[in-house]
């Protein structure tokens, strides 16, 4: 019986593998790294120009903030925002994130007590329980909204500081309350910056 031995399969040359890989890498880099981002940015700028530009809010020619990022308000004549735990400063759009403190962490309890104390000091005669979103930071640290309950909690203080009727401030809160999308998705919220701008347009702060 004659035995035959098969010759080993020829191995591809290194260049034969490297060249197609580099071509695919370059093509995908152009499509996903350049063409797709430029295309989506261009479409967004045409279809949603305000949102694509950062939802910036202007007074005249001056940018006063974004409808998407919260700001710090501490004066009694303004509605206060939800706390922020971003670093190195609150509402830092370049470092979105929460405190990552667990519910049993003493630092979280201390921060909450300090926020309650500040709210009580600004309105000591308010007997209403402090809404939770006024004393806890959101997961992003950038939330520009508070609940209608959090706005209502502050209404008496703002009305008193601005010498406005409480009913007028309540009506302004109602006018600036955003309803759930399609009536069912999400909860009603109030954009703090927009509400405070509406206050200033109603009557300049003393």
C-alpha atoms as a PDB file:
ATOM      1  CA  UNK A   1       0.000   0.000   0.000  1.00  0.00           C
ATOM      2  CA  UNK A   2       1.370   3.345  -1.019  1.00  0.00           C
ATOM      3  CA  UNK A   3       1.201   6.161   1.537  1.00  0.00           C
ATOM      4  CA  UNK A   4       0.913   9.722   0.383  1.00  0.00           C
ATOM      5  CA  UNK A   5       1.533  12.840   2.440  1.00  0.00           C
ATOM      6  CA  UNK A   6      -0.355  16.045   1.769  1.00  0.00           C
ATOM      7  CA  UNK A   7       1.604  19.249   1.674  1.00  0.00           C
ATOM      8  CA  UNK A   8       0.768  21.808   4.382  1.00  0.00           C
ATOM      9  CA  UNK A   9      -1.595  24.632   3.436  1.00  0.00           C
ATOM     10  CA  UNK A  10       0.188  27.738   2.377  1.00  0.00           C
ATOM     11  CA  UNK A  11       0.074  30.464   5.035  1.00  0.00           C
ATOM     12  CA  UNK A  12      -1.066  33.893   3.888  1.00  0.00           C
ATOM     13  CA  UNK A  13       1.583  36.519   3.694  1.00  0.00           C
ATOM     14  CA  UNK A  14       1.472  39.107   6.536  1.00  0.00           C
ATOM     15  CA  UNK A  15       0.852  41.869   4.016  1.00  0.00           C
ATOM     16  CA  UNK A  16      -2.163  40.020   2.645  1.00  0.00           C
ATOM     17  CA  UNK A  17      -3.929  40.298   6.033  1.00  0.00           C
ATOM     18  CA  UNK A  18      -2.702  43.709   7.121  1.00  0.00           C
ATOM     19  CA  UNK A  19      -3.728  45.624   4.012  1.00  0.00           C
ATOM     20  CA  UNK A  20      -7.479  44.699   4.095  1.00  0.00           C
ATOM     21  CA  UNK A  21      -7.573  45.326   7.858  1.00  0.00           C
ATOM     22  CA  UNK A  22      -6.117  48.807   7.419  1.00  0.00           C
ATOM     23  CA  UNK A  23      -8.556  49.574   4.589  1.00  0.00           C
ATOM     24  CA  UNK A  24     -11.544  48.496   6.712  1.00  0.00           C
ATOM     25  CA  UNK A  25     -10.219  50.452   9.704  1.00  0.00           C
ATOM     26  CA  UNK A  26      -9.779  53.615   7.628  1.00  0.00           C
ATOM     27  CA  UNK A  27     -13.196  53.246   5.990  1.00  0.00           C
ATOM     28  CA  UNK A  28     -14.994  52.734   9.309  1.00  0.00           C
ATOM     29  CA  UNK A  29     -13.088  55.635  10.858  1.00  0.00           C
ATOM     30  CA  UNK A  30     -14.238  57.929   8.067  1.00  0.00           C
ATOM     31  CA  UNK A  31     -17.859  56.728   8.210  1.00  0.00           C
ATOM     32  CA  UNK A  32     -18.378  56.485  11.973  1.00  0.00           C
ATOM     33  CA  UNK A  33     -15.822  59.049  13.127  1.00  0.00           C
ATOM     34  CA  UNK A  34     -16.389  61.839  10.593  1.00  0.00           C
ATOM     35  CA  UNK A  35     -19.258  61.362   8.155  1.00  0.00           C
ATOM     36  CA  UNK A  36     -21.911  60.175  10.636  1.00  0.00           C
ATOM     37  CA  UNK A  37     -21.224  62.830  13.335  1.00  0.00           C
ATOM     38  CA  UNK A  38     -21.164  65.630  10.737  1.00  0.00           C
ATOM     39  CA  UNK A  39     -24.361  64.325   9.158  1.00  0.00           C
ATOM     40  CA  UNK A  40     -26.268  64.058  12.432  1.00  0.00           C
ATOM     41  CA  UNK A  41     -24.972  67.454  13.576  1.00  0.00           C
ATOM     42  CA  UNK A  42     -26.047  69.027  10.308  1.00  0.00           C
ATOM     43  CA  UNK A  43     -29.516  67.469  10.411  1.00  0.00           C
ATOM     44  CA  UNK A  44     -29.946  68.505  14.056  1.00  0.00           C
ATOM     45  CA  UNK A  45     -28.883  72.081  13.271  1.00  0.00           C
ATOM     46  CA  UNK A  46     -31.558  72.289  10.565  1.00  0.00           C
ATOM     47  CA  UNK A  47     -34.396  70.416  12.268  1.00  0.00           C
ATOM     48  CA  UNK A  48     -33.716  71.381  15.915  1.00  0.00           C
ATOM     49  CA  UNK A  49     -31.500  74.502  15.792  1.00  0.00           C
ATOM     50  CA  UNK A  50     -32.223  75.633  19.361  1.00  0.00           C
ATOM     51  CA  UNK A  51     -31.558  72.231  20.916  1.00  0.00           C
ATOM     52  CA  UNK A  52     -28.485  71.584  18.747  1.00  0.00           C
ATOM     53  CA  UNK A  53     -26.962  74.836  19.990  1.00  0.00           C
ATOM     54  CA  UNK A  54     -27.323  73.750  23.624  1.00  0.00           C
ATOM     55  CA  UNK A  55     -30.825  75.125  24.361  1.00  0.00           C
ATOM     56  CA  UNK A  56     -29.219  78.411  25.367  1.00  0.00           C
ATOM     57  CA  UNK A  57     -31.399  81.054  26.994  1.00  0.00           C
ATOM     58  CA  UNK A  58     -30.677  84.680  26.123  1.00  0.00           C
ATOM     59  CA  UNK A  59     -31.753  88.028  27.447  1.00  0.00           C
ATOM     60  CA  UNK A  60     -31.045  90.391  24.604  1.00  0.00           C
ATOM     61  CA  UNK A  61     -27.595  89.428  23.347  1.00  0.00           C
ATOM     62  CA  UNK A  62     -26.469  87.934  26.662  1.00  0.00           C
ATOM     63  CA  UNK A  63     -26.573  84.187  27.336  1.00  0.00           C
ATOM     64  CA  UNK A  64     -27.947  83.653  30.850  1.00  0.00           C
ATOM     65  CA  UNK A  65     -27.924  79.853  30.891  1.00  0.00           C
ATOM     66  CA  UNK A  66     -29.239  76.709  29.293  1.00  0.00           C
ATOM     67  CA  UNK A  67     -32.675  75.169  29.630  1.00  0.00           C
ATOM     68  CA  UNK A  68     -30.925  71.815  30.081  1.00  0.00           C
ATOM     69  CA  UNK A  69     -28.489  72.623  32.914  1.00  0.00           C
ATOM     70  CA  UNK A  70     -29.392  73.816  36.396  1.00  0.00           C
ATOM     71  CA  UNK A  71     -27.947  76.850  38.117  1.00  0.00           C
ATOM     72  CA  UNK A  72     -27.373  77.848  41.714  1.00  0.00           C
ATOM     73  CA  UNK A  73     -29.835  80.380  43.179  1.00  0.00           C
ATOM     74  CA  UNK A  74     -29.459  81.412  46.820  1.00  0.00           C
ATOM     75  CA  UNK A  75     -31.296  84.735  47.063  1.00  0.00           C
ATOM     76  CA  UNK A  76     -34.702  84.581  48.842  1.00  0.00           C
ATOM     77  CA  UNK A  77     -36.316  86.400  45.914  1.00  0.00           C
ATOM     78  CA  UNK A  78     -35.578  83.533  43.526  1.00  0.00           C
ATOM     79  CA  UNK A  79     -36.716  79.926  43.384  1.00  0.00           C
ATOM     80  CA  UNK A  80     -33.891  77.594  44.347  1.00  0.00           C
ATOM     81  CA  UNK A  81     -32.769  74.707  42.184  1.00  0.00           C
ATOM     82  CA  UNK A  82     -32.282  71.081  43.041  1.00  0.00           C
ATOM     83  CA  UNK A  83     -28.894  70.523  44.735  1.00  0.00           C
ATOM     84  CA  UNK A  84     -25.956  69.412  42.622  1.00  0.00           C
ATOM     85  CA  UNK A  85     -23.112  67.099  43.619  1.00  0.00           C
ATOM     86  CA  UNK A  86     -20.862  67.652  40.602  1.00  0.00           C
ATOM     87  CA  UNK A  87     -17.199  68.508  41.139  1.00  0.00           C
ATOM     88  CA  UNK A  88     -15.282  70.720  41.546  1.00  0.00           C
ATOM     89  CA  UNK A  89     -18.325  73.022  41.569  1.00  0.00           C
ATOM     90  CA  UNK A  90     -22.106  72.532  41.442  1.00  0.00           C
ATOM     91  CA  UNK A  91     -23.871  72.225  38.070  1.00  0.00           C
ATOM     92  CA  UNK A  92     -20.597  71.539  36.261  1.00  0.00           C
ATOM     93  CA  UNK A  93     -21.649  70.508  32.768  1.00  0.00           C
ATOM     94  CA  UNK A  94     -18.209  69.004  32.097  1.00  0.00           C
ATOM     95  CA  UNK A  95     -18.427  66.595  35.060  1.00  0.00           C
ATOM     96  CA  UNK A  96     -21.967  65.266  35.238  1.00  0.00           C
ATOM     97  CA  UNK A  97     -22.524  62.820  38.094  1.00  0.00           C
ATOM     98  CA  UNK A  98     -24.050  62.203  41.491  1.00  0.00           C
ATOM     99  CA  UNK A  99     -22.516  62.000  44.933  1.00  0.00           C
ATOM    100  CA  UNK A 100     -22.575  58.174  44.939  1.00  0.00           C
ATOM    101  CA  UNK A 101     -23.297  58.336  48.673  1.00  0.00           C
ATOM    102  CA  UNK A 102     -25.360  55.433  50.010  1.00  0.00           C
ATOM    103  CA  UNK A 103     -28.490  56.031  52.109  1.00  0.00           C
ATOM    104  CA  UNK A 104     -26.608  55.086  55.305  1.00  0.00           C
ATOM    105  CA  UNK A 105     -23.622  57.316  54.619  1.00  0.00           C
ATOM    106  CA  UNK A 106     -23.319  59.962  57.380  1.00  0.00           C
ATOM    107  CA  UNK A 107     -22.083  62.502  54.829  1.00  0.00           C
ATOM    108  CA  UNK A 108     -25.376  62.236  52.940  1.00  0.00           C
ATOM    109  CA  UNK A 109     -27.396  62.768  56.110  1.00  0.00           C
ATOM    110  CA  UNK A 110     -25.260  65.787  57.018  1.00  0.00           C
ATOM    111  CA  UNK A 111     -25.705  67.305  53.548  1.00  0.00           C
ATOM    112  CA  UNK A 112     -29.483  66.818  53.695  1.00  0.00           C
ATOM    113  CA  UNK A 113     -29.713  68.383  57.155  1.00  0.00           C
ATOM    114  CA  UNK A 114     -27.665  71.379  55.986  1.00  0.00           C
ATOM    115  CA  UNK A 115     -29.976  71.875  52.996  1.00  0.00           C
ATOM    116  CA  UNK A 116     -33.064  71.652  55.194  1.00  0.00           C
ATOM    117  CA  UNK A 117     -31.548  74.182  57.590  1.00  0.00           C
ATOM    118  CA  UNK A 118     -30.854  76.618  54.733  1.00  0.00           C
ATOM    119  CA  UNK A 119     -34.420  76.340  53.431  1.00  0.00           C
ATOM    120  CA  UNK A 120     -35.871  76.777  56.914  1.00  0.00           C
ATOM    121  CA  UNK A 121     -33.637  79.763  57.601  1.00  0.00           C
ATOM    122  CA  UNK A 122     -34.867  81.447  54.409  1.00  0.00           C
ATOM    123  CA  UNK A 123     -38.520  80.810  55.319  1.00  0.00           C
ATOM    124  CA  UNK A 124     -38.782  79.986  59.045  1.00  0.00           C
ATOM    125  CA  UNK A 125     -42.582  80.267  59.207  1.00  0.00           C
ATOM    126  CA  UNK A 126     -43.190  77.652  56.513  1.00  0.00           C
ATOM    127  CA  UNK A 127     -44.737  74.572  58.199  1.00  0.00           C
ATOM    128  CA  UNK A 128     -44.830  72.479  55.021  1.00  0.00           C
ATOM    129  CA  UNK A 129     -42.509  69.437  54.852  1.00  0.00           C
ATOM    130  CA  UNK A 130     -39.555  70.091  52.561  1.00  0.00           C
ATOM    131  CA  UNK A 131     -39.970  68.259  49.226  1.00  0.00           C
ATOM    132  CA  UNK A 132     -37.298  65.634  48.704  1.00  0.00           C
ATOM    133  CA  UNK A 133     -36.018  67.099  45.432  1.00  0.00           C
ATOM    134  CA  UNK A 134     -34.964  70.285  47.225  1.00  0.00           C
ATOM    135  CA  UNK A 135     -32.596  68.399  49.524  1.00  0.00           C
ATOM    136  CA  UNK A 136     -31.244  65.568  47.352  1.00  0.00           C
ATOM    137  CA  UNK A 137     -29.100  65.841  44.231  1.00  0.00           C
ATOM    138  CA  UNK A 138     -30.082  64.177  40.984  1.00  0.00           C
ATOM    139  CA  UNK A 139     -28.006  61.420  39.409  1.00  0.00           C
ATOM    140  CA  UNK A 140     -26.630  63.807  36.783  1.00  0.00           C
ATOM    141  CA  UNK A 141     -26.144  66.773  39.113  1.00  0.00           C
ATOM    142  CA  UNK A 142     -27.379  68.984  36.273  1.00  0.00           C
ATOM    143  CA  UNK A 143     -31.157  68.696  36.591  1.00  0.00           C
ATOM    144  CA  UNK A 144     -32.676  72.085  35.656  1.00  0.00           C
ATOM    145  CA  UNK A 145     -36.118  71.124  36.962  1.00  0.00           C
ATOM    146  CA  UNK A 146     -37.888  70.850  40.288  1.00  0.00           C
ATOM    147  CA  UNK A 147     -41.291  69.389  41.028  1.00  0.00           C
ATOM    148  CA  UNK A 148     -44.362  71.644  41.233  1.00  0.00           C
ATOM    149  CA  UNK A 149     -44.453  70.775  44.945  1.00  0.00           C
ATOM    150  CA  UNK A 150     -40.887  72.087  45.373  1.00  0.00           C
ATOM    151  CA  UNK A 151     -41.852  75.291  43.586  1.00  0.00           C
ATOM    152  CA  UNK A 152     -44.997  75.683  45.691  1.00  0.00           C
ATOM    153  CA  UNK A 153     -42.940  75.209  48.860  1.00  0.00           C
ATOM    154  CA  UNK A 154     -40.902  78.289  47.942  1.00  0.00           C
ATOM    155  CA  UNK A 155     -43.761  80.437  46.609  1.00  0.00           C
ATOM    156  CA  UNK A 156     -44.549  82.250  49.879  1.00  0.00           C
ATOM    157  CA  UNK A 157     -40.892  83.193  50.421  1.00  0.00           C
ATOM    158  CA  UNK A 158     -40.508  84.518  46.876  1.00  0.00           C
ATOM    159  CA  UNK A 159     -43.785  86.446  47.025  1.00  0.00           C
ATOM    160  CA  UNK A 160     -42.779  88.039  50.314  1.00  0.00           C
ATOM    161  CA  UNK A 161     -39.268  88.947  49.104  1.00  0.00           C
ATOM    162  CA  UNK A 162     -40.675  90.595  45.957  1.00  0.00           C
ATOM    163  CA  UNK A 163     -43.758  92.163  47.544  1.00  0.00           C
ATOM    164  CA  UNK A 164     -45.998  90.211  45.176  1.00  0.00           C
ATOM    165  CA  UNK A 165     -49.373  88.603  45.873  1.00  0.00           C
ATOM    166  CA  UNK A 166     -48.999  84.887  46.543  1.00  0.00           C
ATOM    167  CA  UNK A 167     -51.686  84.173  43.943  1.00  0.00           C
ATOM    168  CA  UNK A 168     -49.603  85.910  41.285  1.00  0.00           C
ATOM    169  CA  UNK A 169     -46.562  83.783  42.089  1.00  0.00           C
ATOM    170  CA  UNK A 170     -48.701  80.630  42.090  1.00  0.00           C
ATOM    171  CA  UNK A 171     -50.064  81.553  38.676  1.00  0.00           C
ATOM    172  CA  UNK A 172     -46.520  82.024  37.385  1.00  0.00           C
ATOM    173  CA  UNK A 173     -45.563  78.569  38.650  1.00  0.00           C
ATOM    174  CA  UNK A 174     -48.571  77.090  36.893  1.00  0.00           C
ATOM    175  CA  UNK A 175     -47.712  78.884  33.653  1.00  0.00           C
ATOM    176  CA  UNK A 176     -44.143  77.512  33.772  1.00  0.00           C
ATOM    177  CA  UNK A 177     -45.040  73.932  34.656  1.00  0.00           C
ATOM    178  CA  UNK A 178     -44.131  71.482  31.903  1.00  0.00           C
ATOM    179  CA  UNK A 179     -46.594  68.627  31.566  1.00  0.00           C
ATOM    180  CA  UNK A 180     -45.613  64.992  30.862  1.00  0.00           C
ATOM    181  CA  UNK A 181     -44.757  64.222  27.252  1.00  0.00           C
ATOM    182  CA  UNK A 182     -47.863  63.015  25.427  1.00  0.00           C
ATOM    183  CA  UNK A 183     -49.664  63.454  28.733  1.00  0.00           C
ATOM    184  CA  UNK A 184     -48.363  60.186  30.211  1.00  0.00           C
ATOM    185  CA  UNK A 185     -44.559  59.974  30.003  1.00  0.00           C
ATOM    186  CA  UNK A 186     -42.800  61.517  32.997  1.00  0.00           C
ATOM    187  CA  UNK A 187     -44.046  63.863  35.703  1.00  0.00           C
ATOM    188  CA  UNK A 188     -44.896  67.565  35.688  1.00  0.00           C
ATOM    189  CA  UNK A 189     -41.765  69.661  36.249  1.00  0.00           C
ATOM    190  CA  UNK A 190     -40.811  73.309  36.555  1.00  0.00           C
ATOM    191  CA  UNK A 191     -37.682  74.704  34.909  1.00  0.00           C
ATOM    192  CA  UNK A 192     -36.133  76.891  37.613  1.00  0.00           C
ATOM    193  CA  UNK A 193     -34.214  79.220  35.305  1.00  0.00           C
ATOM    194  CA  UNK A 194     -37.260  79.875  33.126  1.00  0.00           C
ATOM    195  CA  UNK A 195     -39.410  80.502  36.196  1.00  0.00           C
ATOM    196  CA  UNK A 196     -36.913  82.957  37.674  1.00  0.00           C
ATOM    197  CA  UNK A 197     -36.598  84.794  34.357  1.00  0.00           C
ATOM    198  CA  UNK A 198     -40.377  85.049  34.231  1.00  0.00           C
ATOM    199  CA  UNK A 199     -40.279  86.534  37.731  1.00  0.00           C
ATOM    200  CA  UNK A 200     -37.760  89.164  36.680  1.00  0.00           C
ATOM    201  CA  UNK A 201     -39.814  90.000  33.614  1.00  0.00           C
ATOM    202  CA  UNK A 202     -42.899  90.345  35.794  1.00  0.00           C
ATOM    203  CA  UNK A 203     -41.223  92.787  38.126  1.00  0.00           C
ATOM    204  CA  UNK A 204     -37.498  93.433  38.568  1.00  0.00           C
ATOM    205  CA  UNK A 205     -36.116  92.102  41.840  1.00  0.00           C
ATOM    206  CA  UNK A 206     -35.631  94.876  44.462  1.00  0.00           C
END
